[in-house]
Amino acid sequence: MTKFLFVSLALCISVVGFHSSLVDGNFVKNMYLNWGTQHSAFLGSGDDAMLALDRYSGSGMQSKSSFLFGSIEMQIKLVPGSSAGTVTAHYLSSTGDKHDEIDFEFLGNVSGQPYTVHTNVYTQGGGGREQQFYLWFDPSADYHNYTIHWNPTEIVWYVDGVPLRVFRNYQSEGIPYPNKQAMRVYSSIWNADSWATRGGLDKIDWNESPFVARFRSFRPRACKYDGPISITQCATPTPANWWNSPVYSQLSYEKQGQMNWVRNNYMIYDYCKDTKRFNGWLPGECFKPQF
């Protein structure tokens, strides 16, 4: 029954719900469905994708290639209506216990409440660098661009070209930075009602399922990993490695202004201000400029 539901749903969306224009990335060429395959589909000519969650399973996809530095863009239309307890994710990750990871996670809501954008960075298996924001628009009403720009100098999280946060490379001062491990791109939707919405107080209403997130315009404009030699090659400031050019080494004054606007008006959690959590000993990067 579940398989029939989602095959039918995929066919329906491909006919009436999706259309593509100026799509730069093709999911069939660049990604594959890595779990919950009965709850997911590439649509049309492969330029669109849908991932769904019901009480039996969520679903996910990952890139065929791994990357070391670059710009990873995805347009996402989040689950509409009451999505409390669900998480839709778009992130980069390596593998293993000492993995690196750069996260966009979208925490579902009770109808009428804003989505929470959860961001995090893992280095050598260690995370705990969460910053959270409300969005200033309804992310379920239309597609919006979510971009992770990652180079040897800094990581920047963008929403429709507006930066939410920056994590700069202070490795020379003993602060870990993800610059040695290649990462693949992952997108998924899954059940996180133990923590996602108001700390787990709002559970998933399965009567609202299936919960469907939609994706298009995947653009991995990044350096494909080709073994250890790529650690040097992908970090070299050459014209081909445009993500390493000086213009991407620091936010412009205009972009700094946009980021300050977001942080002043829509930021709801910053680990660098959570002194109770760290018993007064905040991580070293909290005392460094992040722009």
Protein backbone atom coordinates (compact mmCIF):
# COMPACT_ATOMS: atom_id res chain seq x y z
CA MET A 1 0.00 0.00 0.00
CA THR A 2 2.82 2.40 0.89
CA LYS A 3 4.66 1.66 -2.34
CA PHE A 4 1.52 2.26 -4.37
CA LEU A 5 0.87 5.54 -2.54
CA PHE A 6 4.23 7.01 -3.35
CA VAL A 7 4.48 5.74 -6.90
CA SER A 8 1.09 7.34 -7.52
CA LEU A 9 2.20 10.51 -5.77
CA ALA A 10 5.36 10.71 -7.85
CA LEU A 11 3.43 10.28 -11.09
CA CYS A 12 0.90 12.91 -10.04
CA ILE A 13 3.55 15.47 -9.15
CA SER A 14 5.47 14.84 -12.36
CA VAL A 15 2.37 15.65 -14.36
CA VAL A 16 0.87 18.63 -12.53
CA GLY A 17 3.22 19.84 -9.82
CA PHE A 18 6.69 20.27 -11.28
CA HIS A 19 8.12 22.27 -14.10
CA SER A 20 11.74 23.19 -14.69
CA SER A 21 13.35 26.17 -16.32
CA LEU A 22 16.99 27.10 -16.48
CA VAL A 23 17.93 24.05 -14.43
CA ASP A 24 21.70 23.71 -14.11
CA GLY A 25 21.91 20.36 -12.37
CA ASN A 26 20.31 17.02 -13.15
CA PHE A 27 19.57 14.69 -10.26
CA VAL A 28 19.81 11.52 -12.34
CA LYS A 29 23.31 12.47 -13.50
CA ASN A 30 24.57 13.81 -10.18
CA MET A 31 22.74 12.00 -7.38
CA TYR A 32 21.11 8.71 -6.44
CA LEU A 33 18.39 7.72 -3.99
CA ASN A 34 20.23 6.11 -1.09
CA TRP A 35 17.40 5.19 1.29
CA GLY A 36 13.62 5.13 1.41
CA THR A 37 13.48 4.54 -2.33
CA GLN A 38 9.73 3.76 -2.21
CA HIS A 39 9.25 7.23 -0.69
CA SER A 40 11.28 9.22 -3.21
CA ALA A 41 11.62 9.87 -6.92
CA PHE A 42 13.45 11.81 -9.59
CA LEU A 43 10.83 13.44 -11.76
CA GLY A 44 10.41 14.38 -15.40
CA SER A 45 13.82 14.30 -17.09
CA GLY A 46 15.58 14.14 -13.73
CA ASP A 47 15.75 17.87 -13.06
CA ASP A 48 13.39 17.67 -10.07
CA ALA A 49 13.19 15.39 -7.06
CA MET A 50 10.77 14.62 -4.26
CA LEU A 51 11.48 13.07 -0.88
CA ALA A 52 8.67 11.95 1.40
CA LEU A 53 8.12 10.77 4.96
CA ASP A 54 5.33 8.69 6.41
CA ARG A 55 5.01 6.59 9.58
CA TYR A 56 6.95 3.77 7.90
CA SER A 57 9.97 5.55 6.48
CA GLY A 58 11.66 8.76 5.46
CA SER A 59 13.92 9.06 2.41
CA GLY A 60 17.14 10.54 1.14
CA MET A 61 19.53 11.05 -1.75
CA GLN A 62 23.26 11.66 -2.05
CA SER A 63 25.68 12.88 -4.70
CA LYS A 64 27.60 10.41 -6.80
CA SER A 65 30.75 12.52 -6.49
CA SER A 66 32.52 13.84 -3.44
CA PHE A 67 33.90 17.37 -3.27
CA LEU A 68 36.55 19.41 -1.51
CA PHE A 69 35.62 23.10 -1.57
CA GLY A 70 33.17 24.91 -3.81
CA SER A 71 29.61 26.15 -3.92
CA ILE A 72 26.76 23.69 -3.38
CA GLU A 73 23.35 25.08 -4.34
CA MET A 74 19.91 23.54 -4.05
CA GLN A 75 16.44 24.96 -4.49
CA ILE A 76 14.04 23.46 -1.96
CA LYS A 77 10.31 23.75 -1.34
CA LEU A 78 9.68 22.61 2.20
CA VAL A 79 6.79 20.58 3.59
CA PRO A 80 3.63 22.74 3.79
CA GLY A 81 1.08 22.84 6.60
CA SER A 82 1.64 21.14 9.93
CA SER A 83 5.13 19.67 9.67
CA ALA A 84 6.04 19.52 13.37
CA GLY A 85 8.61 16.85 14.20
CA THR A 86 9.93 16.53 10.64
CA VAL A 87 13.38 17.55 9.49
CA THR A 88 14.30 18.28 5.88
CA ALA A 89 18.07 18.39 5.45
CA HIS A 90 20.57 19.65 2.86
CA TYR A 91 24.16 19.10 3.92
CA LEU A 92 27.70 18.00 3.15
CA SER A 93 29.39 15.15 4.97
CA SER A 94 32.37 12.85 4.85
CA THR A 95 32.22 9.37 6.38
CA GLY A 96 33.58 7.67 9.49
CA ASP A 97 33.76 8.45 13.18
CA LYS A 98 36.01 11.46 12.55
CA HIS A 99 33.81 12.88 9.81
CA ASP A 100 33.42 16.51 8.75
CA GLU A 101 29.97 17.94 8.06
CA ILE A 102 28.29 21.23 7.12
CA ASP A 103 24.55 21.35 7.79
CA PHE A 104 21.37 23.03 6.68
CA GLU A 105 18.47 21.41 8.56
CA PHE A 106 14.91 22.71 8.39
CA LEU A 107 12.90 21.92 11.51
CA GLY A 108 9.18 21.55 10.86
CA ASN A 109 6.46 23.52 12.59
CA VAL A 110 2.89 23.59 13.77
CA SER A 111 0.77 25.26 11.08
CA GLY A 112 1.16 29.02 11.23
CA GLN A 113 4.49 28.98 13.03
CA PRO A 114 7.81 29.72 11.30
CA TYR A 115 10.28 27.08 10.16
CA THR A 116 13.56 26.96 12.09
CA VAL A 117 16.78 26.78 10.07
CA HIS A 118 19.34 24.78 12.03
CA THR A 119 23.00 25.15 10.96
CA ASN A 120 26.02 23.28 12.29
CA VAL A 121 29.65 22.41 11.53
CA TYR A 122 31.43 19.17 12.41
CA THR A 123 35.20 18.78 12.30
CA GLN A 124 36.88 15.43 12.98
CA GLY A 125 33.62 14.09 14.39
CA GLY A 126 33.01 17.01 16.73
CA GLY A 127 29.97 19.27 16.26
CA GLY A 128 28.18 21.41 18.80
CA ARG A 129 28.41 24.61 16.75
CA GLU A 130 24.69 25.15 16.26
CA GLN A 131 23.12 28.42 15.18
CA GLN A 132 19.39 28.65 14.48
CA PHE A 133 17.24 31.17 12.62
CA TYR A 134 13.65 31.78 11.66
CA LEU A 135 13.06 32.45 7.98
CA TRP A 136 11.55 35.76 6.88
CA PHE A 137 9.25 34.08 4.33
CA ASP A 138 7.14 30.94 4.00
CA PRO A 139 9.61 28.33 2.67
CA SER A 140 6.79 25.93 1.81
CA ALA A 141 5.01 28.34 -0.57
CA ASP A 142 7.75 28.32 -3.23
CA TYR A 143 11.28 27.21 -3.99
CA HIS A 144 14.18 29.08 -2.39
CA ASN A 145 17.92 28.77 -2.93
CA TYR A 146 20.01 27.32 -0.12
CA THR A 147 23.76 27.46 -0.75
CA ILE A 148 26.80 26.28 1.19
CA HIS A 149 29.96 28.04 0.01
CA TRP A 150 33.06 26.30 1.36
CA ASN A 151 36.67 27.22 0.68
CA PRO A 152 39.99 27.13 2.59
CA THR A 153 39.21 30.49 4.20
CA GLU A 154 35.59 30.25 5.33
CA ILE A 155 32.21 28.53 5.15
CA VAL A 156 29.16 30.67 4.37
CA TRP A 157 25.50 29.61 4.57
CA TYR A 158 23.29 31.57 2.12
CA VAL A 159 19.51 31.75 1.70
CA ASP A 160 18.55 33.36 -1.62
CA GLY A 161 22.00 34.97 -1.68
CA VAL A 162 21.67 36.41 1.84
CA PRO A 163 24.32 35.08 4.26
CA LEU A 164 23.09 33.67 7.58
CA ARG A 165 26.43 32.86 9.15
CA VAL A 166 30.15 32.47 8.52
CA PHE A 167 32.62 30.02 10.03
CA ARG A 168 36.18 31.17 9.33
CA ASN A 169 39.34 29.10 9.24
CA TYR A 170 41.38 29.71 12.41
CA GLN A 171 43.18 26.39 12.26
CA SER A 172 46.54 28.11 12.70
CA GLU A 173 45.29 29.13 16.16
CA GLY A 174 44.28 25.61 17.15
CA ILE A 175 40.62 25.82 16.09
CA PRO A 176 39.56 22.85 13.92
CA TYR A 177 38.40 23.54 10.37
CA PRO A 178 37.11 21.07 7.74
CA ASN A 179 39.69 21.22 4.94
CA LYS A 180 41.15 17.74 4.52
CA GLN A 181 38.17 15.42 4.01
CA ALA A 182 36.09 15.26 0.86
CA MET A 183 32.34 15.43 1.39
CA ARG A 184 29.31 14.26 -0.54
CA VAL A 185 26.05 16.18 -0.81
CA TYR A 186 23.04 14.73 1.00
CA SER A 187 19.36 15.65 1.14
CA SER A 188 16.79 13.86 3.26
CA ILE A 189 13.53 14.04 5.20
CA TRP A 190 13.12 12.12 8.44
CA ASN A 191 11.33 11.74 11.76
CA ALA A 192 12.97 13.86 14.49
CA ASP A 193 9.99 14.52 16.73
CA SER A 194 12.07 13.62 19.81
CA TRP A 195 13.78 17.04 19.50
CA ALA A 196 13.02 19.01 16.33
CA THR A 197 9.98 21.15 17.24
CA ARG A 198 10.04 22.97 20.57
CA GLY A 199 12.53 20.46 21.93
CA GLY A 200 10.28 17.53 21.11
CA LEU A 201 7.10 18.91 22.67
CA ASP A 202 5.28 18.99 19.32
CA LYS A 203 5.09 15.52 17.82
CA ILE A 204 4.41 14.46 14.24
CA ASP A 205 0.75 14.31 13.31
CA TRP A 206 0.75 11.26 11.09
CA ASN A 207 -2.74 12.14 9.88
CA GLU A 208 -0.99 14.88 7.86
CA SER A 209 1.36 12.41 6.14
CA PRO A 210 2.84 11.87 3.68
CA PHE A 211 5.14 14.86 4.22
CA VAL A 212 6.73 15.82 0.91
CA ALA A 213 9.75 18.07 0.30
CA ARG A 214 10.62 19.06 -3.25
CA PHE A 215 14.00 19.84 -4.79
CA ARG A 216 15.30 21.32 -8.04
CA SER A 217 18.27 23.18 -9.60
CA PHE A 218 21.01 21.22 -7.86
CA ARG A 219 24.29 22.98 -8.68
CA PRO A 220 27.49 21.38 -7.37
CA ARG A 221 29.92 24.02 -8.63
CA ALA A 222 32.76 22.49 -6.70
CA CYS A 223 36.09 20.68 -6.88
CA LYS A 224 35.62 16.95 -7.41
CA TYR A 225 37.78 14.89 -5.09
CA ASP A 226 40.36 12.69 -6.82
CA GLY A 227 42.35 11.33 -3.91
CA PRO A 228 44.82 12.98 -1.49
CA ILE A 229 46.32 15.12 -4.26
CA SER A 230 43.03 17.05 -4.31
CA ILE A 231 43.74 18.42 -0.82
CA THR A 232 46.32 20.67 -2.45
CA GLN A 233 44.80 21.01 -5.93
CA CYS A 234 41.33 22.06 -4.75
CA ALA A 235 42.81 24.66 -2.38
CA THR A 236 45.05 26.28 -4.98
CA PRO A 237 43.91 29.80 -6.02
CA THR A 238 43.70 29.22 -9.78
CA PRO A 239 41.11 30.68 -12.21
CA ALA A 240 39.43 27.28 -12.40
CA ASN A 241 39.10 27.22 -8.62
CA TRP A 242 36.94 30.34 -8.64
CA TRP A 243 35.66 29.64 -5.10
CA ASN A 244 39.18 30.41 -3.79
CA SER A 245 39.41 33.87 -5.36
CA PRO A 246 39.95 36.85 -3.00
CA VAL A 247 36.34 38.03 -3.42
CA TYR A 248 35.25 34.88 -1.56
CA SER A 249 37.79 35.18 1.26
CA GLN A 250 35.62 37.62 3.22
CA LEU A 251 32.08 38.98 2.99
CA SER A 252 31.71 42.36 1.30
CA TYR A 253 30.35 45.26 3.36
CA GLU A 254 27.00 44.77 1.63
CA LYS A 255 26.90 41.07 2.53
CA GLN A 256 28.02 41.81 6.09
CA GLY A 257 25.11 44.22 6.36
CA GLN A 258 22.68 41.58 5.10
CA MET A 259 24.03 39.03 7.57
CA ASN A 260 23.77 41.47 10.47
CA TRP A 261 20.14 42.15 9.51
CA VAL A 262 19.34 38.44 9.61
CA ARG A 263 21.17 37.86 12.87
CA ASN A 264 19.63 40.89 14.58
CA ASN A 265 16.07 40.05 13.53
CA TYR A 266 15.81 36.29 12.99
CA MET A 267 18.51 34.51 14.98
CA ILE A 268 17.04 32.42 17.81
CA TYR A 269 20.04 30.41 19.07
CA ASP A 270 23.81 30.89 19.03
CA TYR A 271 26.09 28.39 20.72
CA CYS A 272 28.59 31.19 21.24
CA LYS A 273 26.17 32.85 23.65
CA ASP A 274 25.23 29.68 25.53
CA THR A 275 27.59 30.11 28.47
CA LYS A 276 25.56 27.71 30.63
CA ARG A 277 26.01 24.90 28.13
CA PHE A 278 29.81 25.32 28.11
CA ASN A 279 30.14 26.17 31.81
CA GLY A 280 31.54 29.56 30.86
CA TRP A 281 34.27 28.11 28.61
CA LEU A 282 33.09 29.06 25.14
CA PRO A 283 34.80 27.54 22.08
CA GLY A 284 37.76 29.53 20.78
CA GLU A 285 36.10 30.61 17.53
CA CYS A 286 33.46 32.48 19.55
CA PHE A 287 36.06 35.16 20.27
CA LYS A 288 37.14 35.55 16.63
CA PRO A 289 35.63 37.67 13.84
CA GLN A 290 33.25 35.61 11.69
CA PHE A 291 32.76 37.39 8.39
